[in-house]
Structure formats: structure tokens, C-alpha cells
N, C-alpha and C. Protein backbone atom coordinates (compact mmCIF):
# COMPACT_ATOMS: atom_id res chain seq x y z
N MET A 1 -37.34 -40.68 40.09
CA MET A 1 -36.00 -40.69 39.56
C MET A 1 -36.35 -40.08 37.62
N TRP A 2 -37.23 -39.82 37.23
CA TRP A 2 -37.51 -39.88 35.50
C TRP A 2 -37.80 -38.18 36.09
N ARG A 3 -37.95 -37.64 37.33
CA ARG A 3 -37.27 -35.81 36.79
C ARG A 3 -36.42 -35.40 37.00
N VAL A 4 -35.86 -36.16 37.00
CA VAL A 4 -34.62 -36.11 37.62
C VAL A 4 -33.85 -36.42 36.29
N VAL A 5 -34.27 -37.86 35.24
CA VAL A 5 -34.02 -37.43 34.45
C VAL A 5 -34.44 -36.94 33.15
N ARG A 6 -34.66 -36.44 32.98
CA ARG A 6 -35.68 -35.41 32.71
C ARG A 6 -35.11 -34.15 32.46
N LEU A 7 -35.06 -33.94 33.19
CA LEU A 7 -34.03 -32.16 33.95
C LEU A 7 -33.14 -32.65 33.55
N GLY A 8 -31.56 -33.00 33.65
CA GLY A 8 -30.97 -33.47 32.66
C GLY A 8 -31.14 -33.69 31.77
N VAL A 9 -31.71 -34.31 30.93
CA VAL A 9 -31.96 -33.93 28.81
C VAL A 9 -32.65 -32.97 29.11
N LEU A 10 -33.15 -31.73 29.75
CA LEU A 10 -33.39 -30.24 29.11
C LEU A 10 -32.16 -29.30 29.48
N LEU A 11 -31.34 -29.83 30.55
CA LEU A 11 -30.20 -29.29 30.55
C LEU A 11 -29.22 -28.97 29.63
N LEU A 12 -29.21 -30.67 29.24
CA LEU A 12 -28.08 -31.00 27.71
C LEU A 12 -28.27 -30.76 26.56
N ALA A 13 -29.85 -29.99 26.27
CA ALA A 13 -30.09 -29.51 25.13
C ALA A 13 -30.20 -29.02 24.58
N VAL A 14 -30.26 -28.19 26.51
CA VAL A 14 -30.27 -25.88 26.27
C VAL A 14 -28.36 -25.83 25.87
N LEU A 15 -26.94 -26.57 27.34
CA LEU A 15 -26.28 -26.71 27.27
C LEU A 15 -26.08 -26.47 25.66
N ALA A 16 -26.14 -28.12 24.49
CA ALA A 16 -26.16 -27.90 23.06
C ALA A 16 -26.44 -26.45 22.01
N ALA A 17 -27.52 -26.35 22.38
CA ALA A 17 -27.81 -25.15 21.18
C ALA A 17 -27.05 -24.12 22.01
N TYR A 18 -27.10 -23.61 23.39
CA TYR A 18 -26.12 -22.46 23.33
C TYR A 18 -24.23 -22.73 22.86
N GLY A 19 -24.00 -23.66 22.82
CA GLY A 19 -23.24 -24.25 22.37
C GLY A 19 -22.91 -24.18 21.01
N TRP A 20 -24.07 -24.44 19.71
CA TRP A 20 -23.77 -23.93 19.31
C TRP A 20 -24.50 -22.86 18.28
N TRP A 21 -25.03 -21.92 19.16
CA TRP A 21 -25.35 -21.02 18.82
C TRP A 21 -24.14 -20.09 19.21
N SER A 22 -23.73 -20.00 19.64
CA SER A 22 -22.50 -18.99 20.10
C SER A 22 -20.91 -19.30 19.12
N GLY A 23 -20.86 -20.39 19.05
CA GLY A 23 -20.05 -20.74 18.08
C GLY A 23 -20.65 -20.03 16.30
N HIS A 24 -21.39 -20.69 16.38
CA HIS A 24 -22.46 -19.90 15.06
C HIS A 24 -22.53 -18.38 15.26
N ALA A 25 -22.60 -17.74 16.25
CA ALA A 25 -22.28 -16.40 15.69
C ALA A 25 -20.68 -15.93 16.16
N ARG A 26 -20.26 -16.34 16.82
CA ARG A 26 -18.65 -16.34 15.88
C ARG A 26 -17.95 -16.15 15.04
N ALA A 27 -19.01 -16.70 13.55
CA ALA A 27 -17.73 -17.28 12.94
C ALA A 27 -17.57 -16.93 12.65
N PRO A 28 -17.78 -15.24 12.17
CA PRO A 28 -17.78 -14.38 11.02
C PRO A 28 -16.79 -14.00 11.26
N ALA A 29 -16.12 -13.69 12.95
CA ALA A 29 -14.48 -13.15 13.49
C ALA A 29 -13.25 -13.79 12.61
N THR A 30 -13.51 -15.62 12.63
CA THR A 30 -12.18 -16.09 12.17
C THR A 30 -12.95 -16.16 9.75
N THR A 31 -12.28 -15.18 9.29
CA THR A 31 -12.91 -15.05 8.10
C THR A 31 -11.15 -14.32 7.24
N VAL A 32 -11.59 -14.50 5.76
CA VAL A 32 -10.65 -14.77 5.88
C VAL A 32 -10.10 -12.91 5.35
N ALA A 33 -11.23 -12.18 5.89
CA ALA A 33 -10.39 -10.85 5.91
C ALA A 33 -9.85 -10.43 7.36
N SER A 34 -9.90 -11.51 8.12
CA SER A 34 -8.83 -11.47 9.35
C SER A 34 -7.63 -11.91 9.08
N GLN A 35 -7.88 -13.17 8.56
CA GLN A 35 -6.28 -13.78 8.54
C GLN A 35 -5.51 -13.34 7.33
N ALA A 36 -6.37 -12.21 6.01
CA ALA A 36 -5.06 -11.76 5.58
C ALA A 36 -5.43 -10.65 5.11
N PRO A 37 -4.54 -9.68 4.46
CA PRO A 37 -4.97 -8.22 4.06
C PRO A 37 -5.23 -7.98 3.11
N ALA A 38 -6.91 -7.62 3.44
CA ALA A 38 -7.91 -6.95 2.40
C ALA A 38 -6.97 -6.58 0.50
N ASP A 39 -6.26 -6.29 0.85
CA ASP A 39 -5.56 -5.87 -0.23
C ASP A 39 -4.02 -7.25 -0.49
N ALA A 40 -5.17 -8.06 -0.80
CA ALA A 40 -3.60 -9.65 -0.97
C ALA A 40 -4.69 -8.98 -1.77
N PRO A 41 -3.60 -9.39 -3.01
CA PRO A 41 -4.26 -9.97 -4.34
C PRO A 41 -4.54 -11.86 -4.55
N ARG A 42 -5.96 -11.96 -5.35
CA ARG A 42 -6.59 -13.42 -4.66
C ARG A 42 -6.99 -13.23 -6.99
N ASP A 43 -7.36 -14.52 -6.50
CA ASP A 43 -7.26 -15.19 -8.56
C ASP A 43 -9.30 -15.24 -8.33
N SER A 44 -9.03 -14.44 -9.49
CA SER A 44 -10.80 -13.90 -9.86
C SER A 44 -11.10 -15.16 -10.59
N GLN A 45 -10.01 -16.16 -11.08
CA GLN A 45 -10.49 -17.46 -11.45
C GLN A 45 -11.56 -18.21 -10.45
N ALA A 46 -11.27 -17.99 -9.46
CA ALA A 46 -12.75 -18.41 -8.60
C ALA A 46 -13.81 -18.41 -8.48
N LEU A 47 -13.54 -17.14 -9.42
CA LEU A 47 -15.14 -16.26 -9.00
C LEU A 47 -16.44 -17.15 -9.52
N PRO A 48 -17.32 -16.58 -9.29
CA PRO A 48 -18.80 -17.32 -10.15
C PRO A 48 -18.74 -16.13 -11.52
N PRO A 49 -19.79 -17.21 -12.44
CA PRO A 49 -19.74 -16.87 -13.34
C PRO A 49 -20.22 -14.98 -12.99
N GLU A 50 -21.19 -15.11 -12.28
CA GLU A 50 -22.29 -13.81 -11.98
C GLU A 50 -21.17 -13.07 -11.31
N ALA A 51 -20.10 -12.41 -11.17
CA ALA A 51 -19.42 -11.78 -10.81
C ALA A 51 -18.45 -11.33 -11.75
N ILE A 52 -17.78 -12.22 -12.93
CA ILE A 52 -17.59 -12.33 -14.20
C ILE A 52 -18.51 -11.07 -14.97
N ASP A 53 -19.68 -11.84 -15.10
CA ASP A 53 -20.99 -9.91 -15.40
C ASP A 53 -20.52 -8.85 -15.31
N ALA A 54 -20.84 -8.97 -13.36
CA ALA A 54 -20.67 -7.99 -13.06
C ALA A 54 -19.40 -6.88 -12.98
N LEU A 55 -18.33 -7.49 -13.58
CA LEU A 55 -17.25 -7.19 -13.15
C LEU A 55 -16.88 -6.32 -14.93
N LYS A 56 -17.38 -6.94 -15.43
CA LYS A 56 -17.92 -6.29 -17.47
C LYS A 56 -18.32 -5.37 -17.03
N SER A 57 -19.81 -5.28 -16.60
CA SER A 57 -20.35 -3.75 -16.20
C SER A 57 -20.35 -2.97 -16.14
N ILE A 58 -19.63 -3.26 -14.26
CA ILE A 58 -18.77 -1.75 -13.84
C ILE A 58 -17.93 -1.52 -14.68
N GLU A 59 -16.68 -1.61 -16.06
CA GLU A 59 -15.53 -1.76 -16.69
C GLU A 59 -16.84 -0.83 -18.21
N ARG A 60 -17.33 -1.53 -18.77
CA ARG A 60 -18.52 -1.01 -19.06
C ARG A 60 -19.13 0.50 -19.16
N GLY A 61 -19.46 0.85 -17.59
CA GLY A 61 -20.31 1.86 -17.03
C GLY A 61 -21.85 1.72 -16.86
N GLY A 62 -21.90 0.39 -16.92
CA GLY A 62 -23.21 -0.36 -16.46
C GLY A 62 -23.89 -0.72 -18.20
N PRO A 63 -24.83 -1.26 -18.34
CA PRO A 63 -26.26 -1.37 -17.19
C PRO A 63 -26.44 -1.85 -17.05
N PHE A 64 -26.52 -1.28 -14.95
CA PHE A 64 -26.50 -2.34 -14.36
C PHE A 64 -27.70 -2.98 -13.63
N ALA A 65 -28.67 -4.19 -13.33
CA ALA A 65 -29.56 -4.86 -12.81
C ALA A 65 -30.46 -4.30 -12.03
N TYR A 66 -29.66 -3.82 -10.58
CA TYR A 66 -29.88 -3.21 -9.46
C TYR A 66 -29.78 -1.46 -9.63
N GLU A 67 -31.34 -1.30 -8.27
CA GLU A 67 -30.83 0.31 -8.67
C GLU A 67 -30.27 0.62 -8.03
N ARG A 68 -30.03 -0.26 -6.82
CA ARG A 68 -28.64 0.64 -6.04
C ARG A 68 -27.24 0.32 -6.38
N ASP A 69 -27.20 -0.46 -7.78
CA ASP A 69 -25.83 -0.50 -8.28
C ASP A 69 -24.96 0.11 -8.73
N GLY A 70 -24.43 0.78 -7.85
CA GLY A 70 -23.03 2.25 -7.57
C GLY A 70 -22.60 3.00 -7.01
N VAL A 71 -23.86 2.61 -5.68
CA VAL A 71 -23.86 3.80 -4.38
C VAL A 71 -22.52 3.80 -3.32
N MET A 72 -22.19 5.02 -3.22
CA MET A 72 -21.12 4.38 -1.93
C MET A 72 -21.24 3.48 -1.27
N PHE A 73 -19.91 2.93 -1.10
CA PHE A 73 -19.68 1.42 -0.03
C PHE A 73 -19.07 2.54 1.00
N GLN A 74 -19.62 2.59 2.39
CA GLN A 74 -18.92 3.44 3.36
C GLN A 74 -17.77 2.65 4.21
N ASN A 75 -17.46 1.21 3.58
CA ASN A 75 -16.75 0.64 4.90
C ASN A 75 -16.85 0.72 6.26
N ARG A 76 -18.33 0.92 6.95
CA ARG A 76 -18.25 0.63 7.96
C ARG A 76 -17.50 0.27 8.94
N GLU A 77 -16.97 -1.33 8.83
CA GLU A 77 -16.90 -2.05 9.50
C GLU A 77 -15.33 -1.61 9.45
N ARG A 78 -14.02 -1.21 8.41
CA ARG A 78 -13.04 -0.76 8.19
C ARG A 78 -12.53 -2.10 7.35
N ARG A 79 -12.53 -2.86 7.41
CA ARG A 79 -12.76 -4.70 6.24
C ARG A 79 -11.84 -4.17 5.30
N LEU A 80 -11.93 -2.95 4.74
CA LEU A 80 -10.99 -2.82 3.41
C LEU A 80 -10.62 -1.26 3.91
N PRO A 81 -9.27 -1.16 3.42
CA PRO A 81 -8.54 -0.11 3.82
C PRO A 81 -9.01 0.59 3.46
N GLU A 82 -8.32 2.20 4.73
CA GLU A 82 -9.16 3.35 4.67
C GLU A 82 -8.93 3.77 3.39
N ARG A 83 -9.77 5.00 3.31
CA ARG A 83 -9.69 5.83 1.65
C ARG A 83 -10.91 6.27 2.01
N PRO A 84 -10.53 7.77 1.15
CA PRO A 84 -11.27 8.93 1.52
C PRO A 84 -13.16 8.47 1.59
N ARG A 85 -13.53 9.42 1.69
CA ARG A 85 -15.10 9.01 1.28
C ARG A 85 -15.40 9.03 -0.23
N GLY A 86 -16.31 8.36 -0.38
CA GLY A 86 -16.75 8.56 -1.96
C GLY A 86 -15.63 7.36 -2.48
N TYR A 87 -14.92 6.70 -2.21
CA TYR A 87 -13.94 6.29 -2.95
C TYR A 87 -14.31 4.58 -3.37
N TYR A 88 -14.78 4.31 -2.52
CA TYR A 88 -15.28 3.17 -3.03
C TYR A 88 -17.45 2.57 -3.68
N HIS A 89 -17.83 1.72 -4.33
CA HIS A 89 -18.95 1.68 -4.73
C HIS A 89 -18.83 0.48 -4.46
N GLU A 90 -20.63 0.43 -4.45
CA GLU A 90 -20.97 -1.78 -4.25
C GLU A 90 -22.12 -2.16 -5.44
N TYR A 91 -21.82 -2.87 -6.38
CA TYR A 91 -22.04 -3.66 -7.50
C TYR A 91 -22.41 -4.67 -6.65
N THR A 92 -24.08 -5.41 -6.54
CA THR A 92 -24.48 -6.54 -6.94
C THR A 92 -24.22 -7.57 -7.85
N VAL A 93 -23.91 -8.77 -7.02
CA VAL A 93 -23.25 -9.36 -8.06
C VAL A 93 -24.76 -11.10 -7.86
N ARG A 94 -25.02 -10.59 -9.09
CA ARG A 94 -26.99 -11.65 -9.53
C ARG A 94 -26.42 -13.62 -8.39
N THR A 95 -26.89 -13.33 -8.11
CA THR A 95 -27.18 -14.76 -7.64
C THR A 95 -28.88 -15.52 -7.86
N PRO A 96 -29.02 -16.81 -8.53
CA PRO A 96 -29.24 -16.86 -9.78
C PRO A 96 -30.96 -17.87 -8.43
N GLY A 97 -31.38 -18.37 -8.24
CA GLY A 97 -32.41 -18.19 -7.57
C GLY A 97 -33.10 -17.66 -6.50
N ALA A 98 -32.20 -16.64 -6.46
CA ALA A 98 -32.50 -15.18 -4.78
C ALA A 98 -33.77 -14.14 -5.35
N SER A 99 -34.38 -14.31 -4.99
CA SER A 99 -35.08 -13.34 -5.21
C SER A 99 -35.32 -11.68 -4.47
N ASP A 100 -33.78 -11.53 -3.92
CA ASP A 100 -33.44 -10.11 -3.92
C ASP A 100 -32.28 -10.55 -3.91
N ARG A 101 -32.08 -8.80 -3.73
CA ARG A 101 -29.65 -8.70 -3.80
C ARG A 101 -28.96 -10.36 -3.80
N GLY A 102 -29.93 -10.77 -2.73
CA GLY A 102 -28.85 -11.61 -2.16
C GLY A 102 -27.43 -10.92 -1.64
N ALA A 103 -26.44 -11.93 -0.95
CA ALA A 103 -25.49 -11.18 -0.33
C ALA A 103 -24.14 -11.04 -1.41
N ARG A 104 -23.92 -11.27 -2.47
CA ARG A 104 -22.62 -10.88 -2.63
C ARG A 104 -22.24 -9.73 -4.44
N ARG A 105 -21.76 -9.03 -3.34
CA ARG A 105 -21.29 -7.64 -4.19
C ARG A 105 -19.84 -7.89 -4.18
N ILE A 106 -19.71 -6.81 -5.64
CA ILE A 106 -18.53 -6.80 -5.98
C ILE A 106 -18.48 -4.67 -5.35
N ILE A 107 -16.84 -4.54 -5.10
CA ILE A 107 -16.32 -3.14 -4.65
C ILE A 107 -15.61 -2.08 -4.89
N ALA A 108 -16.18 -1.46 -5.41
CA ALA A 108 -14.89 -1.34 -6.65
C ALA A 108 -13.93 0.09 -5.99
N GLY A 109 -12.93 0.62 -6.56
CA GLY A 109 -12.53 1.42 -5.31
C GLY A 109 -11.27 2.46 -6.75
N GLY A 110 -12.07 3.35 -6.39
CA GLY A 110 -11.12 4.89 -7.90
C GLY A 110 -12.63 4.74 -8.47
N ASP A 111 -11.71 6.22 -8.88
CA ASP A 111 -13.27 6.44 -10.01
C ASP A 111 -11.72 6.88 -11.65
N PRO A 112 -12.10 6.26 -12.88
CA PRO A 112 -12.25 5.00 -12.71
C PRO A 112 -11.37 4.09 -11.72
N PRO A 113 -12.65 2.49 -11.55
CA PRO A 113 -12.07 2.23 -10.71
C PRO A 113 -10.68 1.55 -10.79
N GLU A 114 -10.06 1.41 -9.52
CA GLU A 114 -8.12 0.92 -10.16
C GLU A 114 -7.97 -0.50 -8.54
N VAL A 115 -9.36 -0.79 -8.44
CA VAL A 115 -9.45 -1.76 -7.59
C VAL A 115 -10.79 -2.52 -7.13
N TYR A 116 -10.28 -3.82 -7.14
CA TYR A 116 -12.14 -4.42 -7.37
C TYR A 116 -11.85 -5.61 -5.80
N TYR A 117 -13.08 -5.39 -5.13
CA TYR A 117 -13.03 -6.67 -4.00
C TYR A 117 -14.43 -7.40 -4.20
N TYR A 118 -14.40 -8.57 -3.94
CA TYR A 118 -15.68 -9.60 -4.37
C TYR A 118 -16.02 -9.66 -2.31
N THR A 119 -17.29 -10.20 -2.05
CA THR A 119 -17.82 -10.69 -1.60
C THR A 119 -19.09 -11.52 -1.82
N ASP A 120 -18.68 -12.78 -0.45
CA ASP A 120 -20.41 -13.53 -1.37
C ASP A 120 -20.86 -13.39 -0.01
N ASP A 121 -20.53 -12.60 1.37
CA ASP A 121 -21.33 -12.64 2.57
C ASP A 121 -21.44 -11.81 3.30
N HIS A 122 -22.27 -10.98 2.32
CA HIS A 122 -22.40 -9.66 2.87
C HIS A 122 -22.26 -8.76 3.49
N TYR A 123 -21.14 -8.53 2.86
CA TYR A 123 -19.36 -7.54 3.81
C TYR A 123 -18.63 -8.08 5.06
N ARG A 124 -18.79 -9.37 5.16
CA ARG A 124 -17.80 -10.22 6.35
C ARG A 124 -16.44 -9.87 5.90
N THR A 125 -16.73 -11.17 4.58
CA THR A 125 -15.21 -11.03 4.55
C THR A 125 -14.90 -10.36 2.20
N PHE A 126 -14.12 -10.46 2.21
CA PHE A 126 -13.74 -9.73 0.98
C PHE A 126 -11.92 -10.61 0.62
N ARG A 127 -11.88 -10.02 -1.21
CA ARG A 127 -11.17 -11.34 -1.49
C ARG A 127 -11.01 -10.14 -3.06
N ARG A 128 -9.60 -9.39 -2.63
CA ARG A 128 -8.86 -8.57 -3.48
C ARG A 128 -8.76 -9.15 -5.10
N LEU A 129 -9.07 -9.16 -5.99
CA LEU A 129 -10.28 -9.41 -7.20
C LEU A 129 -8.42 -8.81 -8.69
N GLU A 130 -7.74 -9.22 -8.92
CA GLU A 130 -7.44 -8.93 -10.11
C GLU A 130 -8.13 -8.28 -11.39
N TRP A 131 -8.65 -8.08 -11.91
CA TRP A 131 -9.06 -7.44 -12.95
C TRP A 131 -8.55 -5.75 -13.58
N PRO A 132 -8.64 -6.40 -14.79
CA PRO A 132 -8.85 -7.44 -16.24
C PRO A 132 -8.26 -8.15 -15.70
N GLN A 133 -7.88 -9.28 -16.09
CA GLN A 133 -7.17 -10.37 -16.03
C GLN A 133 -6.31 -10.32 -17.07
């Protein structure tokens, strides 16, 4: 009898873990990018102060805190509007307390930049920014 109960509890635990994992793995599919066009205007007032600092650095042409700031963003997942190769460039938005670059970025399009996008989840979702304000 106890063997059947233990087997049932184990089965329930496995099913619960699978349900959590599969729901967690699918979470990026329900994103701002899939619910609204990436070029829909967004309010930059909702940005963290480090993003505003990064935007000001981009506007000035530097200095940038990270070596990879300004590299070409390839838009491989096609979450931003299609543009010619080299149109988008990425910049790090500092994350307080992080020991690496973190997941926050600003993507600038054009040279000089004419459009800006913000992501805080390493390119899963984007918000178009109105900048300068």
C-alpha cells in the first residue's frame, strides 16, 4: 500500500515539475514584442536611470563602459523591424550589482541614431523609445 502511495506522490511531483518547467520555457512567447509592434511608441520615462545614462552616452558618442558597446546588432530573431545589415547597434545598460553586462540593452538604429529600443530581458522583448524627450 505505501509503495503505491509513494509512487503516486512521485508521479505528482514529476508532473508538477514538468508543468512548471514547460510553462516557464514558453514564457518568452508571450512578450511585449509579440503583442505590440516593435515600432509602437513607448514612454521613456518608465526606464531605469541607467538606461537614460546610456541614451545620453549614445547621443554624445561615448564614452561607453563596456568594450562591446556599439557593436552591430544582427536582429537574428527578427523582433525589430527589418533593416539593412549594420543598421542596428547595441549598447549595454548598466545593471547595479551585476558582475557582468547583465541583460539590459539599448538598440539604436541608424547613423546617427534615429530610433531606439530598450530590452531588459536580453533581446526577448523590446520597447521603442521616444528619444530625445
